[in-house]
Structures are given as C-alpha cells and as structure tokens.
C-alpha atoms as a PDB file:
ATOM      1  CA  MET A   1       6.592  -3.308  -2.681  1.00  0.00           C
ATOM      2  CA  ARG A   2       3.651  -0.945  -2.446  1.00  0.00           C
ATOM      3  CA  ALA A   3       1.989   1.361  -4.950  1.00  0.00           C
ATOM      4  CA  ASP A   4       0.935   4.130  -2.600  1.00  0.00           C
ATOM      5  CA  ARG A   5      -2.129   6.262  -3.261  1.00  0.00           C
ATOM      6  CA  ARG A   6      -2.442   9.341  -1.104  1.00  0.00           C
ATOM      7  CA  THR A   7      -4.926  12.171  -0.712  1.00  0.00           C
ATOM      8  CA  ALA A   8      -3.829  15.803  -0.323  1.00  0.00           C
ATOM      9  CA  LEU A   9      -5.392  17.715   2.575  1.00  0.00           C
ATOM     10  CA  VAL A  10      -4.801  21.380   3.374  1.00  0.00           C
ATOM     11  CA  GLY A  11      -1.745  21.490   1.167  1.00  0.00           C
ATOM     12  CA  VAL A  12       0.010  18.564   2.847  1.00  0.00           C
ATOM     13  CA  VAL A  13      -0.023  14.828   2.185  1.00  0.00           C
ATOM     14  CA  VAL A  14      -2.004  12.750   4.678  1.00  0.00           C
ATOM     15  CA  GLY A  15      -2.134   8.963   4.328  1.00  0.00           C
ATOM     16  CA  VAL A  16      -5.696   7.781   3.707  1.00  0.00           C
ATOM     17  CA  LEU A  17      -4.849   4.191   4.660  1.00  0.00           C
ATOM     18  CA  VAL A  18      -3.440   2.922   1.397  1.00  0.00           C
ATOM     19  CA  LEU A  19      -4.365  -0.747   1.607  1.00  0.00           C
ATOM     20  CA  THR A  20      -2.189  -1.872  -1.290  1.00  0.00           C
ATOM     21  CA  GLY A  21       0.564  -4.356  -1.847  1.00  0.00           C
ATOM     22  CA  CYS A  22       2.414  -6.713  -4.165  1.00  0.00           C
ATOM     23  CA  SER A  23       1.849 -10.398  -3.497  1.00  0.00           C
ATOM     24  CA  SER A  24       2.005 -13.581  -5.525  1.00  0.00           C
ATOM     25  CA  THR A  25      -0.379 -15.346  -3.143  1.00  0.00           C
ATOM     26  CA  ASP A  26      -3.919 -15.945  -4.350  1.00  0.00           C
ATOM     27  CA  PRO A  27      -6.391 -13.764  -2.349  1.00  0.00           C
ATOM     28  CA  GLY A  28      -8.685 -16.793  -2.374  1.00  0.00           C
ATOM     29  CA  ASP A  29      -6.508 -18.271   0.383  1.00  0.00           C
ATOM     30  CA  ILE A  30      -8.089 -15.842   2.835  1.00  0.00           C
ATOM     31  CA  ALA A  31     -10.444 -17.490   5.333  1.00  0.00           C
ATOM     32  CA  VAL A  32     -13.538 -15.640   4.106  1.00  0.00           C
ATOM     33  CA  THR A  33     -14.234 -15.665   0.368  1.00  0.00           C
ATOM     34  CA  PRO A  34     -17.277 -14.689  -1.709  1.00  0.00           C
ATOM     35  CA  THR A  35     -19.554 -17.500  -2.885  1.00  0.00           C
ATOM     36  CA  ALA A  36     -21.626 -15.716  -5.538  1.00  0.00           C
ATOM     37  CA  THR A  37     -22.014 -12.470  -7.444  1.00  0.00           C
ATOM     38  CA  GLY A  38     -24.950 -10.118  -7.657  1.00  0.00           C
ATOM     39  CA  PHE A  39     -26.533  -8.603  -4.539  1.00  0.00           C
ATOM     40  CA  GLY A  40     -29.320 -10.811  -3.253  1.00  0.00           C
ATOM     41  CA  THR A  41     -28.907 -13.670  -5.732  1.00  0.00           C
ATOM     42  CA  GLU A  42     -28.496 -16.186  -2.916  1.00  0.00           C
ATOM     43  CA  VAL A  43     -30.726 -14.817  -0.172  1.00  0.00           C
ATOM     44  CA  PRO A  44     -31.094 -17.342   2.678  1.00  0.00           C
ATOM     45  CA  VAL A  45     -34.037 -19.683   2.365  1.00  0.00           C
ATOM     46  CA  ASP A  46     -36.011 -18.080   5.184  1.00  0.00           C
ATOM     47  CA  GLY A  47     -35.665 -14.659   3.550  1.00  0.00           C
ATOM     48  CA  SER A  48     -34.593 -13.059   6.808  1.00  0.00           C
ATOM     49  CA  ARG A  49     -31.336 -11.569   5.496  1.00  0.00           C
ATOM     50  CA  ASN A  50     -30.359  -9.411   2.538  1.00  0.00           C
ATOM     51  CA  GLY A  51     -27.746 -11.795   1.090  1.00  0.00           C
ATOM     52  CA  ILE A  52     -24.830  -9.352   1.329  1.00  0.00           C
ATOM     53  CA  GLU A  53     -22.597 -12.237   2.459  1.00  0.00           C
ATOM     54  CA  THR A  54     -23.049 -13.978  -0.890  1.00  0.00           C
ATOM     55  CA  VAL A  55     -21.744 -11.275  -3.223  1.00  0.00           C
ATOM     56  CA  ASP A  56     -18.339 -10.300  -4.582  1.00  0.00           C
ATOM     57  CA  GLY A  57     -16.394  -7.477  -2.983  1.00  0.00           C
ATOM     58  CA  ALA A  58     -17.036  -4.838  -5.646  1.00  0.00           C
ATOM     59  CA  THR A  59     -20.785  -5.484  -5.511  1.00  0.00           C
ATOM     60  CA  ALA A  60     -20.760  -5.344  -1.710  1.00  0.00           C
ATOM     61  CA  LEU A  61     -19.029  -1.962  -1.731  1.00  0.00           C
ATOM     62  CA  ARG A  62     -21.410  -0.612  -4.383  1.00  0.00           C
ATOM     63  CA  ASP A  63     -24.464  -1.617  -2.370  1.00  0.00           C
ATOM     64  CA  VAL A  64     -23.062  -0.383   0.932  1.00  0.00           C
ATOM     65  CA  LEU A  65     -22.381   3.042  -0.626  1.00  0.00           C
ATOM     66  CA  ALA A  66     -25.892   3.135  -2.117  1.00  0.00           C
ATOM     67  CA  ALA A  67     -27.381   2.330   1.297  1.00  0.00           C
ATOM     68  CA  MET A  68     -25.371   5.139   2.895  1.00  0.00           C
ATOM     69  CA  ARG A  69     -26.852   7.678   0.479  1.00  0.00           C
ATOM     70  CA  ALA A  70     -30.432   6.600   1.184  1.00  0.00           C
ATOM     71  CA  GLU A  71     -30.917   7.749   4.795  1.00  0.00           C
ATOM     72  CA  PRO A  72     -29.368   9.957   7.482  1.00  0.00           C
ATOM     73  CA  PHE A  73     -26.770   8.618   9.903  1.00  0.00           C
ATOM     74  CA  THR A  74     -23.985   9.610  12.258  1.00  0.00           C
ATOM     75  CA  ALA A  75     -20.339   8.735  11.643  1.00  0.00           C
ATOM     76  CA  THR A  76     -17.207   9.339  13.678  1.00  0.00           C
ATOM     77  CA  GLY A  77     -13.687   8.261  12.943  1.00  0.00           C
ATOM     78  CA  THR A  78      -9.963   8.756  12.790  1.00  0.00           C
ATOM     79  CA  VAL A  79      -7.429   8.184  10.031  1.00  0.00           C
ATOM     80  CA  THR A  80      -3.757   8.200  11.033  1.00  0.00           C
ATOM     81  CA  GLU A  81      -0.797   7.949   8.691  1.00  0.00           C
ATOM     82  CA  LEU A  82       2.327   6.046   9.635  1.00  0.00           C
ATOM     83  CA  VAL A  83       5.619   7.671   8.671  1.00  0.00           C
ATOM     84  CA  PRO A  84       9.252   6.457   8.820  1.00  0.00           C
ATOM     85  CA  ASP A  85      10.725   6.675  12.288  1.00  0.00           C
ATOM     86  CA  PRO A  86      13.327   9.481  12.075  1.00  0.00           C
ATOM     87  CA  HIS A  87      15.299   7.863  14.895  1.00  0.00           C
ATOM     88  CA  ALA A  88      15.448   4.388  13.366  1.00  0.00           C
ATOM     89  CA  GLU A  89      18.537   2.991  11.681  1.00  0.00           C
ATOM     90  CA  ARG A  90      18.973   3.639   7.959  1.00  0.00           C
ATOM     91  CA  GLY A  91      17.006   1.097   5.913  1.00  0.00           C
ATOM     92  CA  SER A  92      14.730   0.236   8.813  1.00  0.00           C
ATOM     93  CA  ASP A  93      10.997  -0.248   8.192  1.00  0.00           C
ATOM     94  CA  ASP A  94      10.116   1.177  11.610  1.00  0.00           C
ATOM     95  CA  THR A  95       7.260   3.686  11.579  1.00  0.00           C
ATOM     96  CA  VAL A  96       5.640   6.122  13.986  1.00  0.00           C
ATOM     97  CA  PRO A  97       2.214   7.806  13.912  1.00  0.00           C
ATOM     98  CA  GLY A  98       2.081  10.913  11.732  1.00  0.00           C
ATOM     99  CA  ARG A  99      -0.843  13.206  11.047  1.00  0.00           C
ATOM    100  CA  THR A 100      -4.295  12.191  12.269  1.00  0.00           C
ATOM    101  CA  VAL A 101      -7.620  13.248  10.799  1.00  0.00           C
ATOM    102  CA  ARG A 102     -10.605  13.213  13.170  1.00  0.00           C
ATOM    103  CA  PHE A 103     -14.167  13.758  12.024  1.00  0.00           C
ATOM    104  CA  ASP A 104     -17.724  13.772  13.342  1.00  0.00           C
ATOM    105  CA  TYR A 105     -20.518  13.737  10.745  1.00  0.00           C
ATOM    106  CA  ARG A 106     -24.328  13.790  10.954  1.00  0.00           C
ATOM    107  CA  GLY A 107     -26.953  13.886   8.226  1.00  0.00           C
ATOM    108  CA  THR A 108     -27.186  13.072   4.527  1.00  0.00           C
ATOM    109  CA  PRO A 109     -25.094  14.026   1.484  1.00  0.00           C
ATOM    110  CA  THR A 110     -27.217  17.173   0.974  1.00  0.00           C
ATOM    111  CA  ASP A 111     -28.126  18.071   4.572  1.00  0.00           C
ATOM    112  CA  SER A 112     -25.291  17.537   7.018  1.00  0.00           C
ATOM    113  CA  ALA A 113     -23.101  18.852   9.811  1.00  0.00           C
ATOM    114  CA  LEU A 114     -19.390  18.055   9.929  1.00  0.00           C
ATOM    115  CA  ARG A 115     -16.627  18.730  12.408  1.00  0.00           C
ATOM    116  CA  LEU A 116     -13.150  17.957  11.154  1.00  0.00           C
ATOM    117  CA  SER A 117      -9.600  18.369  12.422  1.00  0.00           C
ATOM    118  CA  VAL A 118      -6.370  17.613  10.615  1.00  0.00           C
ATOM    119  CA  GLY A 119      -3.090  18.718  12.107  1.00  0.00           C
ATOM    120  CA  SER A 120      -3.485  22.291  13.308  1.00  0.00           C
ATOM    121  CA  VAL A 121      -6.615  22.891  11.220  1.00  0.00           C
ATOM    122  CA  THR A 122     -10.175  22.595  12.559  1.00  0.00           C
ATOM    123  CA  LEU A 123     -13.410  23.317  10.746  1.00  0.00           C
ATOM    124  CA  ASP A 124     -17.161  23.101  11.269  1.00  0.00           C
ATOM    125  CA  ALA A 125     -19.349  22.849   8.156  1.00  0.00           C
ATOM    126  CA  ARG A 126     -23.145  22.951   7.826  1.00  0.00           C
ATOM    127  CA  ARG A 127     -24.407  21.884   4.404  1.00  0.00           C
ATOM    128  CA  ARG A 128     -27.838  22.465   2.872  1.00  0.00           C
ATOM    129  CA  GLY A 129     -28.238  21.452  -0.738  1.00  0.00           C
ATOM    130  CA  ASP A 130     -25.501  23.079  -2.803  1.00  0.00           C
ATOM    131  CA  ASP A 131     -24.484  25.572  -0.106  1.00  0.00           C
ATOM    132  CA  VAL A 132     -22.122  25.082   2.836  1.00  0.00           C
ATOM    133  CA  TRP A 133     -21.740  27.459   5.777  1.00  0.00           C
ATOM    134  CA  VAL A 134     -18.263  26.865   7.121  1.00  0.00           C
ATOM    135  CA  THR A 135     -16.222  28.211  10.002  1.00  0.00           C
ATOM    136  CA  GLY A 136     -12.934  27.209  11.572  1.00  0.00           C
ATOM    137  CA  ASN A 137      -9.844  28.330  13.392  1.00  0.00           C
ATOM    138  CA  GLN A 138      -7.272  30.761  12.070  1.00  0.00           C
ATOM    139  CA  ALA A 139      -5.276  27.952  10.481  1.00  0.00           C
ATOM    140  CA  PHE A 140      -8.333  26.926   8.476  1.00  0.00           C
ATOM    141  CA  ALA A 141      -9.033  30.512   7.426  1.00  0.00           C
ATOM    142  CA  GLU A 142      -5.480  30.859   6.139  1.00  0.00           C
ATOM    143  CA  ARG A 143      -5.406  27.490   4.366  1.00  0.00           C
ATOM    144  CA  SER A 144      -8.809  27.902   2.731  1.00  0.00           C
ATOM    145  CA  GLY A 145      -8.450  31.568   1.786  1.00  0.00           C
ATOM    146  CA  LEU A 146     -11.718  32.324   3.631  1.00  0.00           C
ATOM    147  CA  ASP A 147     -10.434  35.171   5.773  1.00  0.00           C
ATOM    148  CA  ARG A 148     -13.709  35.731   7.632  1.00  0.00           C
ATOM    149  CA  ALA A 149     -14.209  32.059   8.494  1.00  0.00           C
ATOM    150  CA  ALA A 150     -12.259  32.446  11.738  1.00  0.00           C
ATOM    151  CA  SER A 151     -14.870  34.887  13.068  1.00  0.00           C
ATOM    152  CA  GLY A 152     -18.036  33.105  11.904  1.00  0.00           C
ATOM    153  CA  ARG A 153     -19.682  31.073   9.172  1.00  0.00           C
ATOM    154  CA  VAL A 154     -18.977  31.869   5.545  1.00  0.00           C
ATOM    155  CA  CYS A 155     -21.270  30.448   2.863  1.00  0.00           C
ATOM    156  CA  VAL A 156     -19.557  28.817  -0.114  1.00  0.00           C
ATOM    157  CA  PRO A 157     -20.707  26.439  -2.879  1.00  0.00           C
ATOM    158  CA  ALA A 158     -20.405  22.756  -1.978  1.00  0.00           C
ATOM    159  CA  GLY A 159     -17.863  22.338  -4.775  1.00  0.00           C
ATOM    160  CA  SER A 160     -15.750  25.282  -3.671  1.00  0.00           C
ATOM    161  CA  ALA A 161     -11.981  24.889  -3.906  1.00  0.00           C
ATOM    162  CA  ALA A 162     -11.811  25.989  -0.264  1.00  0.00           C
ATOM    163  CA  LEU A 163     -13.576  22.756   0.718  1.00  0.00           C
ATOM    164  CA  ARG A 164     -12.311  20.507  -2.052  1.00  0.00           C
ATOM    165  CA  THR A 165      -8.929  20.296  -0.355  1.00  0.00           C
ATOM    166  CA  PHE A 166     -10.638  18.442   2.498  1.00  0.00           C
ATOM    167  CA  ASP A 167     -12.157  15.751   0.293  1.00  0.00           C
ATOM    168  CA  PRO A 168     -12.991  12.944   0.832  1.00  0.00           C
ATOM    169  CA  PHE A 169     -13.588  13.601   4.537  1.00  0.00           C
ATOM    170  CA  THR A 170     -16.573  15.885   3.927  1.00  0.00           C
ATOM    171  CA  THR A 171     -18.831  12.860   3.343  1.00  0.00           C
ATOM    172  CA  PRO A 172     -18.233   9.402   4.861  1.00  0.00           C
ATOM    173  CA  GLU A 173     -19.405   7.531   1.761  1.00  0.00           C
ATOM    174  CA  ASP A 174     -16.762   9.333  -0.312  1.00  0.00           C
ATOM    175  CA  LEU A 175     -14.159   8.382   2.288  1.00  0.00           C
ATOM    176  CA  LEU A 176     -15.176   4.721   2.131  1.00  0.00           C
ATOM    177  CA  GLN A 177     -15.061   4.845  -1.668  1.00  0.00           C
ATOM    178  CA  ASP A 178     -11.582   6.360  -1.574  1.00  0.00           C
ATOM    179  CA  LEU A 179     -10.295   3.853   0.975  1.00  0.00           C
ATOM    180  CA  LEU A 180     -11.786   0.728  -0.535  1.00  0.00           C
ATOM    181  CA  GLY A 181     -12.717   1.562  -4.113  1.00  0.00           C
ATOM    182  CA  SER A 182     -11.467   0.459  -7.494  1.00  0.00           C
ATOM    183  CA  GLY A 183      -8.295   2.557  -7.350  1.00  0.00           C
ATOM    184  CA  ALA A 184      -6.695   0.374  -4.674  1.00  0.00           C
ATOM    185  CA  SER A 185      -5.402  -3.176  -4.840  1.00  0.00           C
ATOM    186  CA  VAL A 186      -7.142  -4.068  -1.584  1.00  0.00           C
ATOM    187  CA  THR A 187      -9.643  -6.883  -2.106  1.00  0.00           C
ATOM    188  CA  LEU A 188     -12.954  -7.284  -0.288  1.00  0.00           C
ATOM    189  CA  HIS A 189     -14.342 -10.668   0.740  1.00  0.00           C
ATOM    190  CA  PRO A 190     -17.883 -10.677   2.195  1.00  0.00           C
ATOM    191  CA  GLY A 191     -18.494 -13.687   4.388  1.00  0.00           C
ATOM    192  CA  ALA A 192     -19.206 -14.512   8.003  1.00  0.00           C
ATOM    193  CA  VAL A 193     -22.544 -13.474   9.537  1.00  0.00           C
ATOM    194  CA  SER A 194     -23.025 -13.121  13.288  1.00  0.00           C
ATOM    195  CA  GLY A 195     -26.041 -12.257  15.401  1.00  0.00           C
ATOM    196  CA  THR A 196     -29.715 -12.930  14.754  1.00  0.00           C
ATOM    197  CA  GLY A 197     -32.802 -11.045  13.669  1.00  0.00           C
ATOM    198  CA  LYS A 198     -32.359  -7.360  13.008  1.00  0.00           C
ATOM    199  CA  ASP A 199     -28.983  -7.467  14.776  1.00  0.00           C
ATOM    200  CA  ALA A 200     -27.416  -9.824  12.214  1.00  0.00           C
ATOM    201  CA  ARG A 201     -24.146  -8.427  10.892  1.00  0.00           C
ATOM    202  CA  ALA A 202     -21.991  -9.493   7.948  1.00  0.00           C
ATOM    203  CA  GLN A 203     -18.220  -9.061   8.026  1.00  0.00           C
ATOM    204  CA  VAL A 204     -16.493  -7.888   4.862  1.00  0.00           C
ATOM    205  CA  VAL A 205     -12.816  -8.839   5.196  1.00  0.00           C
ATOM    206  CA  LEU A 206     -10.276  -6.444   3.676  1.00  0.00           C
ATOM    207  CA  ALA A 207      -7.218  -8.203   2.309  1.00  0.00           C
ATOM    208  CA  ASP A 208      -3.809  -7.247   0.976  1.00  0.00           C
ATOM    209  CA  GLY A 209      -2.923 -10.303  -1.051  1.00  0.00           C
ATOM    210  CA  SER A 210      -3.725 -13.206   1.257  1.00  0.00           C
ATOM    211  CA  SER A 211      -3.318 -11.170   4.451  1.00  0.00           C
ATOM    212  CA  PRO A 212      -6.385  -9.730   6.211  1.00  0.00           C
ATOM    213  CA  VAL A 213      -5.778  -6.081   7.087  1.00  0.00           C
ATOM    214  CA  GLY A 214      -9.180  -5.104   8.409  1.00  0.00           C
ATOM    215  CA  ALA A 215     -12.929  -5.569   8.363  1.00  0.00           C
ATOM    216  CA  LEU A 216     -16.034  -3.619   7.389  1.00  0.00           C
ATOM    217  CA  VAL A 217     -19.089  -4.730   9.379  1.00  0.00           C
ATOM    218  CA  VAL A 218     -22.461  -4.162   7.679  1.00  0.00           C
ATOM    219  CA  SER A 219     -26.071  -5.045   8.344  1.00  0.00           C
ATOM    220  CA  ALA A 220     -27.119  -8.475   7.042  1.00  0.00           C
ATOM    221  CA  VAL A 221     -30.785  -7.443   7.289  1.00  0.00           C
ATOM    222  CA  GLY A 222     -32.544  -4.800   5.198  1.00  0.00           C
ATOM    223  CA  GLN A 223     -30.201  -2.305   3.573  1.00  0.00           C
ATOM    224  CA  PRO A 224     -26.508  -3.248   3.981  1.00  0.00           C
ATOM    225  CA  VAL A 225     -25.580  -0.133   5.953  1.00  0.00           C
ATOM    226  CA  PRO A 226     -22.153  -0.158   7.613  1.00  0.00           C
ATOM    227  CA  TYR A 227     -21.621  -0.167  11.375  1.00  0.00           C
ATOM    228  CA  SER A 228     -17.852  -0.144  11.679  1.00  0.00           C
ATOM    229  CA  LEU A 229     -14.599  -0.145   9.768  1.00  0.00           C
ATOM    230  CA  GLU A 230     -11.241  -1.007  11.275  1.00  0.00           C
ATOM    231  CA  ALA A 231      -8.100  -1.534   9.241  1.00  0.00           C
ATOM    232  CA  ALA A 232      -4.352  -1.068   9.420  1.00  0.00           C
ATOM    233  CA  ASP A 233      -1.298  -1.660   7.295  1.00  0.00           C
ATOM    234  CA  THR A 234       2.224  -0.264   7.026  1.00  0.00           C
ATOM    235  CA  THR A 235       0.917   3.080   5.740  1.00  0.00           C
ATOM    236  CA  GLY A 236      -1.704   3.898   8.347  1.00  0.00           C
ATOM    237  CA  THR A 237      -4.747   3.035  10.412  1.00  0.00           C
ATOM    238  CA  VAL A 238      -8.426   3.848  10.149  1.00  0.00           C
ATOM    239  CA  THR A 239     -11.311   3.468  12.593  1.00  0.00           C
ATOM    240  CA  MET A 240     -14.870   4.469  11.728  1.00  0.00           C
ATOM    241  CA  THR A 241     -18.196   3.882  13.481  1.00  0.00           C
ATOM    242  CA  PHE A 242     -21.676   4.419  12.045  1.00  0.00           C
ATOM    243  CA  ARG A 243     -24.918   4.674  14.002  1.00  0.00           C
ATOM    244  CA  SER A 244     -28.398   6.275  14.198  1.00  0.00           C
ATOM    245  CA  TRP A 245     -29.408   4.960  10.776  1.00  0.00           C
ATOM    246  CA  GLY A 246     -32.652   6.509   9.547  1.00  0.00           C
ATOM    247  CA  THR A 247     -32.834   8.890  12.514  1.00  0.00           C
ATOM    248  CA  ASP A 248     -33.376  12.555  11.670  1.00  0.00           C
ATOM    249  CA  PRO A 249     -30.471  14.401  13.322  1.00  0.00           C
ATOM    250  CA  ASP A 250     -32.586  17.582  13.584  1.00  0.00           C
ATOM    251  CA  LEU A 251     -29.716  19.808  12.501  1.00  0.00           C
ATOM    252  CA  PRO A 252     -29.883  23.473  13.546  1.00  0.00           C
ATOM    253  CA  ASP A 253     -29.795  26.425  11.172  1.00  0.00           C
ATOM    254  CA  PRO A 254     -26.327  27.834  10.424  1.00  0.00           C
ATOM    255  CA  ASP A 255     -25.327  30.123  13.296  1.00  0.00           C
ATOM    256  CA  HIS A 256     -22.934  33.068  13.596  1.00  0.00           C
ATOM    257  CA  VAL A 257     -23.131  33.760   9.849  1.00  0.00           C
ATOM    258  CA  VAL A 258     -20.745  36.541   8.795  1.00  0.00           C
ATOM    259  CA  GLN A 259     -21.080  36.038   5.042  1.00  0.00           C
ATOM    260  CA  ASP A 260     -24.293  34.542   3.676  1.00  0.00           C
ATOM    261  CA  CYS A 261     -24.900  32.946   0.283  1.00  0.00           C
END
C-alpha cells in the first residue's frame, strides 16, 4: 500500500519519485543506520571529515540543502514516472516508463540558467535576482500563457504562475527537498564513507521501510554538498549528478529578449 505524493507540471501529473510505502519492518534493519544526531557532533578524531555520516537523516538533508544554497554548481538529471502497463493483465502490477523530465541547471538560487523538458514542452530560463527571462517552444508558450516566449525571452517575476507550474524543477535544492523531505515516508540513513582526503564521500541510504531504494552521495569533507542521487521504486526513477561546486559558471546576459522587465 502506498500513499502517493505527486507534483503537477504543465497541467499534467508527473511522478516525482514518490519514495513511500507501508511496512511493519523496523527501518533500523537497514545495513546503514545513523549513530548520532546533530551535524558534526561526532567528527572523526583527526578532524579531517565533516561528520555527516554521524547524523540522523533529517539533519543530513537539512545540511545538504544549506550547502547547496551557499555556492554555485551544475546539476543535470532525469525523473521518470512509471505507469501501469496498458497491455498487462487486469490486476497486474506491471509498469512501463511514462513521462520523463530532463533538466540542466547552472548557478545559484538567485543567478542561474536552466534548460528543462517535460513531455512535449521545452524551456530555457535565465534568472537574475527576482526576475527570470524565459523562452521555450510553442508548447511551452501555450501552457504558460506567455505567447511571445516562443519567439524570444520574456521577463517574468520569479514567482510567476507561468513558472510555478514547473516547480520544483527550477532549482535542484527544491527538487531534493520535494523528493526526500518531511512530506514523504522515505527514511534517510547516513553511513558508509569511501575515499580519502578531499575525495571522501558519505553515502546516505534512502529506504522504504527496511528496503533500500536509492542513495544520495555527499562530500564527507568541508560542506556536505551532494554529488549524485540515484533511486527507484514502483512509482518512478530519478538520477541526478552535481559538479563544479564553487565554480563561477560565468552565465551570459539574457539574449533574444522580446519582452523585458
């Protein structure tokens, strides 16, 4: 039994990897479990790591999200829903891939460039502060109500309803929050560390009951920035990669502007 939580995009329902489930098994049975609470309360003796492997799941997610907001980065990913197989026998649990969201993001929450596709809709958004210059194909122009967006960039407020329908994909930290945050019954279990020096990585296991369904890999040194997320369950799959932490993406000015702010 699952309590599904879905996110509406462009007027249709797209699965945002609902990692939820009903299970009587104690999540503590999972191989990797937290050993302490409070970020950094059990930093290794040599002080070389940040201690992210010692915290509870909610604290780990909070600190990962905070680290993501602190410096620029690049993120790419796909989220694919799984839908009932229309050719399967009645009552079957067989599924097939449904809609897929693909995105490519560079920058910070207030200075970013995003390319996004979902179904037949594609868009390209350049954000500066509270303003976003957005363009896209004809399908995007029709869905968003921005008629001129198919011929060039149209400036809209960051909170515009035309863009709100594409949340949480407009910023990767919002997407992580939506996938793994307090609204879902997925549990997070920080644990195993691999690698040495600045390349040390901590694995945060994602669990549905006692069953691992994915992993978020974050830095075990310095700020706990994420490097990858891979997860899958009966509702969908998600793959995200993060790189170029702290590197200025040198984003260009909005081009082909047909309607300025």
